[in-house]
Amino acid sequence: MHPEYEAVLYHAGSIVTTTFRSLLYTQLFGPGLIANIRKRTGWSQALFDRVAWEAYGAAFKHQTKFRQISIMKLSHDLWNTGAQKKLFGQEPEGLCPVCSETLETMDHVFQCKAEAAMVIKVELVKEFCE
């Protein structure tokens, strides 16, 4: 035991200090969260394990609050798309505002072939990379 400590907490053979809260949260809620993510995405355990979760978490923590909210909305299919507006009775058709041909879903946002959509996507990627 380190001489400065009256008591220490060990996990997997290491002293736990600043990571205690994170470790406790992971131990309590991790299995349920993993099961929920796998169920929603249809991922196998092998595919889930291929994700660099620590890198994802580190990158997420270094974003502004606005970008964190956007990332979470994207990750959990919560963007305010036409499909969502239709679901909540805010729009009768929920069509894509760019092509006006198809129900605007998350998939459609990224796959819309309208020329105006392509221009918007290029601009957004440039802005995001700055």
N, C-alpha and C. Protein backbone atom coordinates (compact mmCIF):
# COMPACT_ATOMS: atom_id res chain seq x y z
N MET A 1 0.85 -1.18 0.00
CA MET A 1 0.00 0.00 0.00
C MET A 1 0.90 1.23 0.00
N HIS A 2 0.47 2.23 -0.75
CA HIS A 2 1.21 3.50 -0.81
C HIS A 2 1.14 4.18 0.56
N PRO A 3 2.25 4.76 1.03
CA PRO A 3 2.27 5.33 2.39
C PRO A 3 1.33 6.53 2.59
N GLU A 4 0.89 7.18 1.53
CA GLU A 4 -0.01 8.33 1.68
C GLU A 4 -1.46 7.92 1.88
N TYR A 5 -1.79 6.65 1.60
CA TYR A 5 -3.17 6.20 1.67
C TYR A 5 -3.44 5.41 2.95
N GLU A 6 -4.61 5.64 3.54
CA GLU A 6 -5.03 4.83 4.67
C GLU A 6 -5.75 3.59 4.18
N ALA A 7 -6.37 3.71 3.01
CA ALA A 7 -7.06 2.57 2.41
C ALA A 7 -6.96 2.72 0.89
N VAL A 8 -6.92 1.62 0.20
CA VAL A 8 -6.88 1.64 -1.26
C VAL A 8 -7.90 0.64 -1.80
N LEU A 9 -8.27 0.86 -3.02
CA LEU A 9 -9.20 -0.03 -3.71
C LEU A 9 -8.46 -0.65 -4.88
N TYR A 10 -8.49 -1.98 -4.94
CA TYR A 10 -7.83 -2.69 -6.02
C TYR A 10 -8.88 -3.26 -6.97
N HIS A 11 -8.54 -3.24 -8.26
CA HIS A 11 -9.35 -3.92 -9.28
C HIS A 11 -8.39 -4.49 -10.31
N ALA A 12 -8.53 -5.75 -10.59
CA ALA A 12 -7.68 -6.45 -11.56
C ALA A 12 -6.20 -6.24 -11.26
N GLY A 13 -5.84 -6.24 -9.96
CA GLY A 13 -4.46 -6.14 -9.56
C GLY A 13 -3.87 -4.74 -9.55
N SER A 14 -4.69 -3.72 -9.85
CA SER A 14 -4.20 -2.34 -9.88
C SER A 14 -4.96 -1.49 -8.89
N ILE A 15 -4.28 -0.47 -8.38
CA ILE A 15 -4.94 0.49 -7.49
C ILE A 15 -5.84 1.38 -8.34
N VAL A 16 -7.07 1.55 -7.89
CA VAL A 16 -8.04 2.38 -8.59
C VAL A 16 -8.14 3.71 -7.85
N THR A 17 -7.89 4.80 -8.55
CA THR A 17 -8.01 6.13 -7.90
C THR A 17 -8.97 6.98 -8.70
N THR A 18 -8.46 7.71 -9.66
CA THR A 18 -9.30 8.65 -10.40
C THR A 18 -10.33 7.97 -11.29
N THR A 19 -10.13 6.71 -11.58
CA THR A 19 -11.07 6.01 -12.46
C THR A 19 -12.16 5.26 -11.70
N PHE A 20 -12.22 5.45 -10.40
CA PHE A 20 -13.17 4.69 -9.59
C PHE A 20 -14.61 4.88 -10.06
N ARG A 21 -15.03 6.13 -10.24
CA ARG A 21 -16.41 6.39 -10.65
C ARG A 21 -16.72 5.72 -11.99
N SER A 22 -15.84 5.86 -12.94
CA SER A 22 -16.02 5.27 -14.27
C SER A 22 -16.05 3.74 -14.19
N LEU A 23 -15.14 3.19 -13.42
CA LEU A 23 -15.07 1.74 -13.26
C LEU A 23 -16.35 1.19 -12.62
N LEU A 24 -16.82 1.86 -11.57
CA LEU A 24 -18.04 1.43 -10.89
C LEU A 24 -19.24 1.49 -11.85
N TYR A 25 -19.35 2.58 -12.58
CA TYR A 25 -20.44 2.75 -13.55
C TYR A 25 -20.40 1.64 -14.60
N THR A 26 -19.19 1.36 -15.11
CA THR A 26 -19.03 0.31 -16.12
C THR A 26 -19.43 -1.05 -15.58
N GLN A 27 -19.02 -1.35 -14.35
CA GLN A 27 -19.35 -2.64 -13.76
C GLN A 27 -20.85 -2.78 -13.52
N LEU A 28 -21.51 -1.69 -13.11
CA LEU A 28 -22.94 -1.74 -12.82
C LEU A 28 -23.80 -1.77 -14.07
N PHE A 29 -23.48 -0.90 -15.03
CA PHE A 29 -24.37 -0.69 -16.16
C PHE A 29 -23.84 -1.22 -17.50
N GLY A 30 -22.57 -1.58 -17.55
CA GLY A 30 -21.96 -2.03 -18.79
C GLY A 30 -22.66 -3.19 -19.47
N PRO A 31 -22.93 -4.29 -18.77
CA PRO A 31 -23.56 -5.43 -19.43
C PRO A 31 -24.93 -5.09 -20.04
N GLY A 32 -25.74 -4.33 -19.33
CA GLY A 32 -27.04 -3.93 -19.87
C GLY A 32 -26.91 -3.01 -21.06
N LEU A 33 -25.95 -2.09 -21.00
CA LEU A 33 -25.72 -1.16 -22.10
C LEU A 33 -25.25 -1.92 -23.34
N ILE A 34 -24.33 -2.83 -23.15
CA ILE A 34 -23.84 -3.65 -24.27
C ILE A 34 -24.99 -4.43 -24.89
N ALA A 35 -25.81 -5.05 -24.07
CA ALA A 35 -26.95 -5.83 -24.58
C ALA A 35 -27.90 -4.93 -25.37
N ASN A 36 -28.16 -3.73 -24.86
CA ASN A 36 -29.05 -2.79 -25.53
C ASN A 36 -28.49 -2.34 -26.89
N ILE A 37 -27.20 -1.99 -26.91
CA ILE A 37 -26.57 -1.58 -28.17
C ILE A 37 -26.61 -2.72 -29.18
N ARG A 38 -26.27 -3.92 -28.74
CA ARG A 38 -26.28 -5.07 -29.67
C ARG A 38 -27.68 -5.36 -30.19
N LYS A 39 -28.67 -5.24 -29.32
CA LYS A 39 -30.05 -5.50 -29.73
C LYS A 39 -30.52 -4.46 -30.75
N ARG A 40 -30.24 -3.19 -30.47
CA ARG A 40 -30.69 -2.11 -31.37
C ARG A 40 -29.99 -2.13 -32.72
N THR A 41 -28.72 -2.53 -32.73
CA THR A 41 -27.94 -2.51 -33.96
C THR A 41 -27.94 -3.84 -34.69
N GLY A 42 -28.27 -4.92 -33.97
CA GLY A 42 -28.20 -6.25 -34.57
C GLY A 42 -26.77 -6.76 -34.69
N TRP A 43 -25.85 -6.15 -33.93
CA TRP A 43 -24.44 -6.54 -34.00
C TRP A 43 -24.20 -7.82 -33.22
N SER A 44 -23.25 -8.62 -33.72
CA SER A 44 -22.77 -9.79 -32.97
C SER A 44 -21.80 -9.28 -31.91
N GLN A 45 -21.46 -10.17 -30.96
CA GLN A 45 -20.49 -9.79 -29.94
C GLN A 45 -19.14 -9.49 -30.59
N ALA A 46 -18.79 -10.27 -31.62
CA ALA A 46 -17.51 -10.06 -32.30
C ALA A 46 -17.44 -8.68 -32.95
N LEU A 47 -18.53 -8.26 -33.59
CA LEU A 47 -18.55 -6.94 -34.21
C LEU A 47 -18.50 -5.85 -33.14
N PHE A 48 -19.26 -6.02 -32.08
CA PHE A 48 -19.23 -5.06 -30.97
C PHE A 48 -17.82 -4.90 -30.42
N ASP A 49 -17.11 -6.01 -30.27
CA ASP A 49 -15.76 -5.99 -29.71
C ASP A 49 -14.75 -5.33 -30.64
N ARG A 50 -15.06 -5.21 -31.91
CA ARG A 50 -14.16 -4.57 -32.88
C ARG A 50 -14.17 -3.04 -32.76
N VAL A 51 -15.18 -2.48 -32.11
CA VAL A 51 -15.26 -1.03 -31.95
C VAL A 51 -14.23 -0.59 -30.91
N ALA A 52 -13.50 0.46 -31.22
CA ALA A 52 -12.51 1.00 -30.29
C ALA A 52 -13.24 1.94 -29.32
N TRP A 53 -13.91 1.36 -28.33
CA TRP A 53 -14.77 2.15 -27.43
C TRP A 53 -13.99 3.17 -26.62
N GLU A 54 -12.77 2.84 -26.19
CA GLU A 54 -11.99 3.81 -25.43
C GLU A 54 -11.63 5.02 -26.31
N ALA A 55 -11.27 4.76 -27.55
CA ALA A 55 -10.96 5.86 -28.47
C ALA A 55 -12.21 6.69 -28.76
N TYR A 56 -13.35 6.01 -28.92
CA TYR A 56 -14.62 6.71 -29.15
C TYR A 56 -14.92 7.63 -27.96
N GLY A 57 -14.77 7.10 -26.75
CA GLY A 57 -15.03 7.89 -25.55
C GLY A 57 -14.09 9.07 -25.41
N ALA A 58 -12.81 8.85 -25.70
CA ALA A 58 -11.83 9.94 -25.61
C ALA A 58 -12.14 11.02 -26.64
N ALA A 59 -12.48 10.63 -27.86
CA ALA A 59 -12.81 11.60 -28.90
C ALA A 59 -14.09 12.36 -28.53
N PHE A 60 -15.06 11.65 -27.98
CA PHE A 60 -16.34 12.26 -27.60
C PHE A 60 -16.13 13.32 -26.51
N LYS A 61 -15.32 13.00 -25.52
CA LYS A 61 -15.09 13.92 -24.40
C LYS A 61 -14.44 15.22 -24.83
N HIS A 62 -13.72 15.20 -25.94
CA HIS A 62 -13.02 16.40 -26.40
C HIS A 62 -13.85 17.25 -27.36
N GLN A 63 -15.10 16.91 -27.54
CA GLN A 63 -15.99 17.69 -28.40
C GLN A 63 -16.70 18.75 -27.57
N THR A 64 -17.18 19.78 -28.25
CA THR A 64 -18.00 20.77 -27.56
C THR A 64 -19.33 20.13 -27.17
N LYS A 65 -20.04 20.73 -26.25
CA LYS A 65 -21.34 20.20 -25.82
C LYS A 65 -22.28 20.08 -27.02
N PHE A 66 -22.28 21.08 -27.91
CA PHE A 66 -23.13 21.05 -29.10
C PHE A 66 -22.82 19.83 -29.96
N ARG A 67 -21.53 19.57 -30.20
CA ARG A 67 -21.16 18.41 -31.03
C ARG A 67 -21.48 17.10 -30.30
N GLN A 68 -21.32 17.08 -28.98
CA GLN A 68 -21.67 15.86 -28.23
C GLN A 68 -23.15 15.54 -28.40
N ILE A 69 -23.98 16.55 -28.33
CA ILE A 69 -25.43 16.34 -28.51
C ILE A 69 -25.70 15.84 -29.91
N SER A 70 -25.08 16.43 -30.90
CA SER A 70 -25.27 15.99 -32.29
C SER A 70 -24.83 14.54 -32.48
N ILE A 71 -23.67 14.19 -31.89
CA ILE A 71 -23.17 12.82 -32.00
C ILE A 71 -24.13 11.84 -31.35
N MET A 72 -24.65 12.19 -30.17
CA MET A 72 -25.58 11.29 -29.49
C MET A 72 -26.88 11.16 -30.28
N LYS A 73 -27.39 12.25 -30.82
CA LYS A 73 -28.61 12.17 -31.63
C LYS A 73 -28.38 11.28 -32.85
N LEU A 74 -27.23 11.43 -33.48
CA LEU A 74 -26.90 10.60 -34.63
C LEU A 74 -26.76 9.13 -34.22
N SER A 75 -26.06 8.89 -33.12
CA SER A 75 -25.82 7.52 -32.65
C SER A 75 -27.09 6.79 -32.26
N HIS A 76 -28.09 7.53 -31.78
CA HIS A 76 -29.31 6.90 -31.28
C HIS A 76 -30.53 7.18 -32.16
N ASP A 77 -30.27 7.60 -33.40
CA ASP A 77 -31.33 7.82 -34.38
C ASP A 77 -32.40 8.78 -33.85
N LEU A 78 -31.95 9.90 -33.29
CA LEU A 78 -32.86 10.87 -32.70
C LEU A 78 -32.87 12.22 -33.41
N TRP A 79 -32.25 12.29 -34.58
CA TRP A 79 -32.29 13.54 -35.33
C TRP A 79 -33.73 13.84 -35.72
N ASN A 80 -34.04 15.11 -35.85
CA ASN A 80 -35.41 15.54 -36.16
C ASN A 80 -35.66 15.41 -37.67
N THR A 81 -35.79 14.18 -38.12
CA THR A 81 -36.04 13.91 -39.54
C THR A 81 -37.53 14.00 -39.85
N GLY A 82 -37.83 13.97 -41.14
CA GLY A 82 -39.23 13.98 -41.56
C GLY A 82 -40.00 12.80 -40.99
N ALA A 83 -39.35 11.64 -40.90
CA ALA A 83 -40.01 10.46 -40.35
C ALA A 83 -40.40 10.70 -38.90
N GLN A 84 -39.53 11.34 -38.14
CA GLN A 84 -39.83 11.63 -36.74
C GLN A 84 -40.95 12.68 -36.66
N LYS A 85 -40.89 13.69 -37.53
CA LYS A 85 -41.94 14.72 -37.54
C LYS A 85 -43.29 14.10 -37.88
N LYS A 86 -43.30 13.17 -38.84
CA LYS A 86 -44.53 12.48 -39.21
C LYS A 86 -45.05 11.65 -38.04
N LEU A 87 -44.15 10.96 -37.35
CA LEU A 87 -44.51 10.13 -36.21
C LEU A 87 -45.20 10.95 -35.12
N PHE A 88 -44.71 12.17 -34.89
CA PHE A 88 -45.27 13.01 -33.83
C PHE A 88 -46.32 13.99 -34.34
N GLY A 89 -46.78 13.80 -35.58
CA GLY A 89 -47.86 14.62 -36.12
C GLY A 89 -47.46 16.05 -36.45
N GLN A 90 -46.17 16.30 -36.62
CA GLN A 90 -45.71 17.65 -36.95
C GLN A 90 -45.74 17.92 -38.45
N GLU A 91 -45.67 16.86 -39.25
CA GLU A 91 -45.74 16.96 -40.70
C GLU A 91 -46.55 15.78 -41.22
N PRO A 92 -47.45 16.02 -42.17
CA PRO A 92 -48.28 14.91 -42.65
C PRO A 92 -47.52 13.89 -43.50
N GLU A 93 -46.54 14.34 -44.30
CA GLU A 93 -45.84 13.43 -45.21
C GLU A 93 -44.44 13.06 -44.72
N GLY A 94 -43.73 14.00 -44.12
CA GLY A 94 -42.37 13.75 -43.65
C GLY A 94 -41.36 13.59 -44.77
N LEU A 95 -41.63 14.21 -45.90
CA LEU A 95 -40.75 14.05 -47.05
C LEU A 95 -39.44 14.80 -46.86
N CYS A 96 -38.42 14.34 -47.56
CA CYS A 96 -37.11 14.99 -47.57
C CYS A 96 -37.28 16.42 -48.07
N PRO A 97 -36.78 17.41 -47.33
CA PRO A 97 -36.94 18.80 -47.76
C PRO A 97 -36.07 19.16 -48.97
N VAL A 98 -35.13 18.30 -49.33
CA VAL A 98 -34.26 18.57 -50.47
C VAL A 98 -34.84 17.99 -51.76
N CYS A 99 -35.19 16.70 -51.74
CA CYS A 99 -35.68 16.07 -52.97
C CYS A 99 -37.20 15.98 -53.03
N SER A 100 -37.86 16.07 -51.92
CA SER A 100 -39.33 15.99 -51.82
C SER A 100 -39.91 14.73 -52.46
N GLU A 101 -39.12 13.67 -52.50
CA GLU A 101 -39.56 12.43 -53.15
C GLU A 101 -39.74 11.26 -52.20
N THR A 102 -39.07 11.29 -51.08
CA THR A 102 -39.00 10.13 -50.20
C THR A 102 -39.15 10.56 -48.75
N LEU A 103 -39.63 9.63 -47.92
CA LEU A 103 -39.70 9.87 -46.48
C LEU A 103 -38.27 10.14 -45.99
N GLU A 104 -38.11 11.21 -45.26
CA GLU A 104 -36.78 11.57 -44.76
C GLU A 104 -36.46 10.77 -43.50
N THR A 105 -35.62 9.75 -43.67
CA THR A 105 -35.13 8.93 -42.56
C THR A 105 -33.63 9.22 -42.40
N MET A 106 -33.03 8.68 -41.35
CA MET A 106 -31.58 8.86 -41.19
C MET A 106 -30.84 8.29 -42.39
N ASP A 107 -31.24 7.11 -42.84
CA ASP A 107 -30.59 6.51 -44.01
C ASP A 107 -30.71 7.42 -45.22
N HIS A 108 -31.91 7.98 -45.42
CA HIS A 108 -32.11 8.85 -46.58
C HIS A 108 -31.26 10.12 -46.49
N VAL A 109 -31.09 10.67 -45.30
CA VAL A 109 -30.27 11.88 -45.14
C VAL A 109 -28.88 11.64 -45.73
N PHE A 110 -28.32 10.46 -45.49
CA PHE A 110 -26.97 10.17 -45.97
C PHE A 110 -26.95 9.63 -47.40
N GLN A 111 -28.09 9.20 -47.92
CA GLN A 111 -28.11 8.58 -49.23
C GLN A 111 -28.88 9.37 -50.29
N CYS A 112 -29.46 10.51 -49.94
CA CYS A 112 -30.23 11.30 -50.90
C CYS A 112 -29.35 11.65 -52.09
N LYS A 113 -29.85 11.37 -53.28
CA LYS A 113 -29.06 11.56 -54.50
C LYS A 113 -29.31 12.91 -55.17
N ALA A 114 -30.19 13.73 -54.62
CA ALA A 114 -30.47 15.04 -55.22
C ALA A 114 -29.19 15.87 -55.27
N GLU A 115 -29.01 16.59 -56.36
CA GLU A 115 -27.79 17.40 -56.53
C GLU A 115 -27.61 18.39 -55.38
N ALA A 116 -28.69 19.02 -54.95
CA ALA A 116 -28.60 19.97 -53.85
C ALA A 116 -28.13 19.28 -52.56
N ALA A 117 -28.52 18.03 -52.35
CA ALA A 117 -28.09 17.29 -51.17
C ALA A 117 -26.59 17.04 -51.22
N MET A 118 -26.08 16.74 -52.41
CA MET A 118 -24.65 16.50 -52.56
C MET A 118 -23.85 17.76 -52.22
N VAL A 119 -24.32 18.91 -52.66
CA VAL A 119 -23.65 20.17 -52.36
C VAL A 119 -23.64 20.42 -50.85
N ILE A 120 -24.78 20.20 -50.21
CA ILE A 120 -24.89 20.39 -48.76
C ILE A 120 -23.94 19.46 -48.03
N LYS A 121 -23.87 18.21 -48.45
CA LYS A 121 -23.01 17.23 -47.78
C LYS A 121 -21.54 17.64 -47.89
N VAL A 122 -21.11 18.08 -49.05
CA VAL A 122 -19.72 18.51 -49.24
C VAL A 122 -19.41 19.68 -48.31
N GLU A 123 -20.30 20.64 -48.24
CA GLU A 123 -20.09 21.80 -47.37
C GLU A 123 -20.03 21.40 -45.90
N LEU A 124 -20.90 20.51 -45.48
CA LEU A 124 -20.91 20.07 -44.08
C LEU A 124 -19.64 19.32 -43.72
N VAL A 125 -19.15 18.48 -44.64
CA VAL A 125 -17.91 17.75 -44.37
C VAL A 125 -16.76 18.73 -44.25
N LYS A 126 -16.70 19.72 -45.14
CA LYS A 126 -15.64 20.73 -45.05
C LYS A 126 -15.71 21.46 -43.72
N GLU A 127 -16.91 21.86 -43.31
CA GLU A 127 -17.09 22.57 -42.04
C GLU A 127 -16.69 21.71 -40.86
N PHE A 128 -17.06 20.44 -40.90
CA PHE A 128 -16.75 19.53 -39.79
C PHE A 128 -15.24 19.32 -39.66
N CYS A 129 -14.54 19.29 -40.78
CA CYS A 129 -13.10 19.03 -40.77
C CYS A 129 -12.27 20.24 -40.32
N GLU A 130 -12.88 21.41 -40.30
CA GLU A 130 -12.14 22.62 -39.88
C GLU A 130 -11.87 22.65 -38.40
